[in-house]
Each structure stands twice: as C-alpha cells, then as structure tokens.
C-alpha cells in the first residue's frame, strides 16, 4: 500500500484493492481505461477483446505487445 501513499485516504485505496472490474473492448478508449484502473490500484482486472490487432490499430493501442504483421 505504500505505492499509493500520496493518494487521498488509505481507506479508499483498500476499497479499490478489493474491486473486480471488467473492461470490454481494448481499442483506443478501452486500453486507456484498463491502464488507468491498474495504475489506480484496482485489485482485479478482466480484459476482454475479440478483435485481432492490425497495423492500423497501433497508433491508439497502448497495451499492444508482440505485434507481427502477416504478409
């Protein structure tokens, strides 16, 4: 909990730690929301996305890793 010491109220931080959140869709907005929820200290995140990442998605995709374009 020391990681979040600068945020207001340890009571509220403990509440965040107990939360379970689902983010449906990890495009431009969903990936940003998932990143911020994790940074806030939400305890459990379920990330769901059915799309395949394409080269045109990368400019707004902050959670993308190991992208390989098939030619």
N, C-alpha and C. Protein backbone atom coordinates (compact mmCIF):
# COMPACT_ATOMS: atom_id res chain seq x y z
N UNK A 1 0.81 -1.20 0.00
CA UNK A 1 0.00 0.00 0.00
C UNK A 1 0.85 1.26 0.00
N UNK A 2 2.13 1.16 0.28
CA UNK A 2 3.00 2.35 0.25
C UNK A 2 3.05 2.98 -1.13
N UNK A 3 2.84 2.18 -2.13
CA UNK A 3 2.86 2.67 -3.52
C UNK A 3 1.83 3.77 -3.74
N UNK A 4 0.72 3.71 -3.00
CA UNK A 4 -0.38 4.63 -3.20
C UNK A 4 -0.49 5.65 -2.06
N UNK A 5 0.56 5.85 -1.30
CA UNK A 5 0.53 6.71 -0.12
C UNK A 5 0.17 8.15 -0.44
N UNK A 6 0.47 8.64 -1.64
CA UNK A 6 0.18 10.03 -1.99
C UNK A 6 -1.28 10.25 -2.37
N UNK A 7 -2.01 9.19 -2.64
CA UNK A 7 -3.42 9.32 -2.97
C UNK A 7 -4.22 9.57 -1.71
N UNK A 8 -5.40 10.17 -1.87
CA UNK A 8 -6.22 10.54 -0.71
C UNK A 8 -6.80 9.31 -0.02
N UNK A 9 -6.46 9.13 1.25
CA UNK A 9 -7.13 8.15 2.09
C UNK A 9 -6.80 6.70 1.84
N UNK A 10 -6.16 6.07 2.77
CA UNK A 10 -5.85 4.64 2.64
C UNK A 10 -7.11 3.79 2.72
N UNK A 11 -8.16 4.30 3.38
CA UNK A 11 -9.42 3.55 3.43
C UNK A 11 -9.96 3.38 2.02
N UNK A 12 -9.95 4.46 1.25
CA UNK A 12 -10.43 4.38 -0.14
C UNK A 12 -9.53 3.50 -0.99
N UNK A 13 -8.24 3.54 -0.74
CA UNK A 13 -7.31 2.70 -1.51
C UNK A 13 -7.57 1.23 -1.24
N UNK A 14 -7.88 0.90 -0.01
CA UNK A 14 -8.20 -0.50 0.33
C UNK A 14 -9.49 -0.94 -0.37
N UNK A 15 -10.44 -0.01 -0.52
CA UNK A 15 -11.67 -0.33 -1.26
C UNK A 15 -11.35 -0.61 -2.73
N UNK A 16 -10.48 0.21 -3.32
CA UNK A 16 -10.08 -0.01 -4.71
C UNK A 16 -9.40 -1.37 -4.87
N UNK A 17 -8.57 -1.74 -3.92
CA UNK A 17 -7.84 -3.00 -3.99
C UNK A 17 -8.80 -4.20 -4.01
N UNK A 18 -9.97 -4.05 -3.40
CA UNK A 18 -10.95 -5.14 -3.35
C UNK A 18 -11.84 -5.23 -4.58
N UNK A 19 -11.82 -4.20 -5.43
CA UNK A 19 -12.69 -4.17 -6.60
C UNK A 19 -12.28 -5.18 -7.67
N UNK A 20 -13.29 -5.67 -8.38
CA UNK A 20 -13.08 -6.50 -9.57
C UNK A 20 -13.78 -5.79 -10.71
N UNK A 21 -13.03 -5.50 -11.78
CA UNK A 21 -13.54 -4.70 -12.89
C UNK A 21 -13.33 -5.46 -14.20
N UNK A 22 -14.31 -5.36 -15.10
CA UNK A 22 -14.17 -5.93 -16.45
C UNK A 22 -14.17 -4.79 -17.45
N UNK A 23 -13.22 -4.82 -18.38
CA UNK A 23 -13.17 -3.85 -19.47
C UNK A 23 -13.43 -4.63 -20.76
N UNK A 24 -14.51 -4.28 -21.44
CA UNK A 24 -14.89 -4.97 -22.67
C UNK A 24 -14.49 -4.10 -23.86
N UNK A 25 -13.55 -4.58 -24.64
CA UNK A 25 -13.04 -3.84 -25.78
C UNK A 25 -11.78 -3.08 -25.40
N UNK A 26 -10.67 -3.40 -26.05
CA UNK A 26 -9.39 -2.79 -25.70
C UNK A 26 -8.84 -1.93 -26.83
N UNK A 27 -9.73 -1.20 -27.47
CA UNK A 27 -9.30 -0.27 -28.51
C UNK A 27 -8.69 0.97 -27.87
N UNK A 28 -8.81 2.09 -28.55
CA UNK A 28 -8.22 3.33 -28.08
C UNK A 28 -8.70 3.73 -26.70
N UNK A 29 -9.99 3.68 -26.43
CA UNK A 29 -10.53 4.07 -25.13
C UNK A 29 -10.38 2.95 -24.09
N UNK A 30 -10.70 1.73 -24.47
CA UNK A 30 -10.66 0.61 -23.52
C UNK A 30 -9.27 0.35 -22.98
N UNK A 31 -8.25 0.44 -23.83
CA UNK A 31 -6.89 0.20 -23.36
C UNK A 31 -6.43 1.30 -22.41
N UNK A 32 -6.85 2.54 -22.67
CA UNK A 32 -6.51 3.64 -21.77
C UNK A 32 -7.20 3.46 -20.41
N UNK A 33 -8.47 3.09 -20.43
CA UNK A 33 -9.22 2.86 -19.19
C UNK A 33 -8.59 1.73 -18.38
N UNK A 34 -8.24 0.63 -19.04
CA UNK A 34 -7.61 -0.50 -18.35
C UNK A 34 -6.29 -0.10 -17.72
N UNK A 35 -5.50 0.68 -18.45
CA UNK A 35 -4.21 1.17 -17.94
C UNK A 35 -4.42 2.03 -16.69
N UNK A 36 -5.38 2.94 -16.74
CA UNK A 36 -5.63 3.84 -15.61
C UNK A 36 -6.20 3.09 -14.40
N UNK A 37 -7.08 2.14 -14.61
CA UNK A 37 -7.62 1.35 -13.49
C UNK A 37 -6.51 0.59 -12.78
N UNK A 38 -5.58 0.06 -13.55
CA UNK A 38 -4.45 -0.65 -12.96
C UNK A 38 -3.56 0.31 -12.18
N UNK A 39 -3.31 1.48 -12.74
CA UNK A 39 -2.48 2.49 -12.07
C UNK A 39 -3.12 2.99 -10.78
N UNK A 40 -4.45 3.03 -10.75
CA UNK A 40 -5.15 3.47 -9.54
C UNK A 40 -5.07 2.44 -8.42
N UNK A 41 -4.84 1.19 -8.78
CA UNK A 41 -4.73 0.15 -7.76
C UNK A 41 -5.93 -0.75 -7.65
N UNK A 42 -6.76 -0.81 -8.71
CA UNK A 42 -7.90 -1.74 -8.71
C UNK A 42 -7.35 -3.15 -8.60
N UNK A 43 -7.93 -3.95 -7.72
CA UNK A 43 -7.39 -5.26 -7.38
C UNK A 43 -7.38 -6.29 -8.49
N UNK A 44 -8.48 -6.38 -9.25
CA UNK A 44 -8.55 -7.42 -10.29
C UNK A 44 -9.19 -6.85 -11.54
N UNK A 45 -8.50 -6.99 -12.66
CA UNK A 45 -9.00 -6.51 -13.95
C UNK A 45 -9.18 -7.67 -14.90
N UNK A 46 -10.35 -7.77 -15.49
CA UNK A 46 -10.62 -8.75 -16.54
C UNK A 46 -10.69 -7.97 -17.85
N UNK A 47 -9.78 -8.27 -18.78
CA UNK A 47 -9.72 -7.57 -20.05
C UNK A 47 -10.22 -8.48 -21.16
N UNK A 48 -11.22 -8.01 -21.91
CA UNK A 48 -11.85 -8.83 -22.94
C UNK A 48 -11.85 -8.07 -24.27
N UNK A 49 -11.32 -8.70 -25.32
CA UNK A 49 -11.36 -8.11 -26.65
C UNK A 49 -11.37 -9.24 -27.66
N UNK A 50 -12.27 -9.18 -28.62
CA UNK A 50 -12.39 -10.27 -29.59
C UNK A 50 -11.67 -9.98 -30.90
N UNK A 51 -11.25 -8.73 -31.10
CA UNK A 51 -10.62 -8.37 -32.37
C UNK A 51 -9.16 -8.80 -32.44
N UNK A 52 -8.69 -8.94 -33.67
CA UNK A 52 -7.26 -9.14 -33.90
C UNK A 52 -6.66 -7.76 -34.16
N UNK A 53 -5.49 -7.52 -33.61
CA UNK A 53 -4.83 -6.23 -33.79
C UNK A 53 -4.26 -6.15 -35.19
N UNK A 54 -4.49 -5.02 -35.84
CA UNK A 54 -3.92 -4.80 -37.17
C UNK A 54 -2.99 -3.59 -37.12
N UNK A 55 -2.21 -3.42 -38.15
CA UNK A 55 -1.24 -2.34 -38.21
C UNK A 55 -1.90 -0.97 -38.03
N UNK A 56 -3.12 -0.79 -38.52
CA UNK A 56 -3.80 0.50 -38.41
C UNK A 56 -4.29 0.79 -37.00
N UNK A 57 -4.28 -0.19 -36.10
CA UNK A 57 -4.71 0.00 -34.71
C UNK A 57 -3.60 0.53 -33.81
N UNK A 58 -2.37 0.39 -34.24
CA UNK A 58 -1.25 0.63 -33.33
C UNK A 58 -1.10 2.07 -32.87
N UNK A 59 -1.59 3.04 -33.63
CA UNK A 59 -1.44 4.43 -33.22
C UNK A 59 -2.27 4.78 -31.99
N UNK A 60 -3.28 4.00 -31.67
CA UNK A 60 -4.11 4.29 -30.50
C UNK A 60 -4.13 3.13 -29.49
N UNK A 61 -3.30 2.16 -29.69
CA UNK A 61 -3.29 0.96 -28.86
C UNK A 61 -2.10 1.00 -27.91
N UNK A 62 -2.34 1.29 -26.63
CA UNK A 62 -1.22 1.41 -25.69
C UNK A 62 -0.87 0.10 -25.00
N UNK A 63 -1.72 -0.90 -25.12
CA UNK A 63 -1.46 -2.17 -24.45
C UNK A 63 -0.99 -3.26 -25.41
N UNK A 64 -0.66 -2.89 -26.62
CA UNK A 64 -0.26 -3.87 -27.63
C UNK A 64 1.18 -4.30 -27.42
N UNK A 65 1.43 -5.59 -27.62
CA UNK A 65 2.77 -6.13 -27.49
C UNK A 65 2.93 -7.29 -28.46
N UNK A 66 4.11 -7.47 -28.97
CA UNK A 66 4.42 -8.59 -29.85
C UNK A 66 3.54 -8.62 -31.10
N UNK A 67 3.37 -7.47 -31.74
CA UNK A 67 2.59 -7.41 -32.97
C UNK A 67 3.45 -7.89 -34.12
N UNK A 68 2.89 -8.79 -34.92
CA UNK A 68 3.59 -9.30 -36.09
C UNK A 68 2.62 -9.28 -37.26
N UNK A 69 3.00 -8.58 -38.31
CA UNK A 69 2.13 -8.49 -39.48
C UNK A 69 2.41 -9.66 -40.40
N UNK A 70 1.36 -10.35 -40.79
CA UNK A 70 1.50 -11.46 -41.76
C UNK A 70 1.40 -10.89 -43.15
N UNK A 71 2.36 -11.24 -44.01
CA UNK A 71 2.30 -10.74 -45.38
C UNK A 71 1.97 -11.81 -46.38
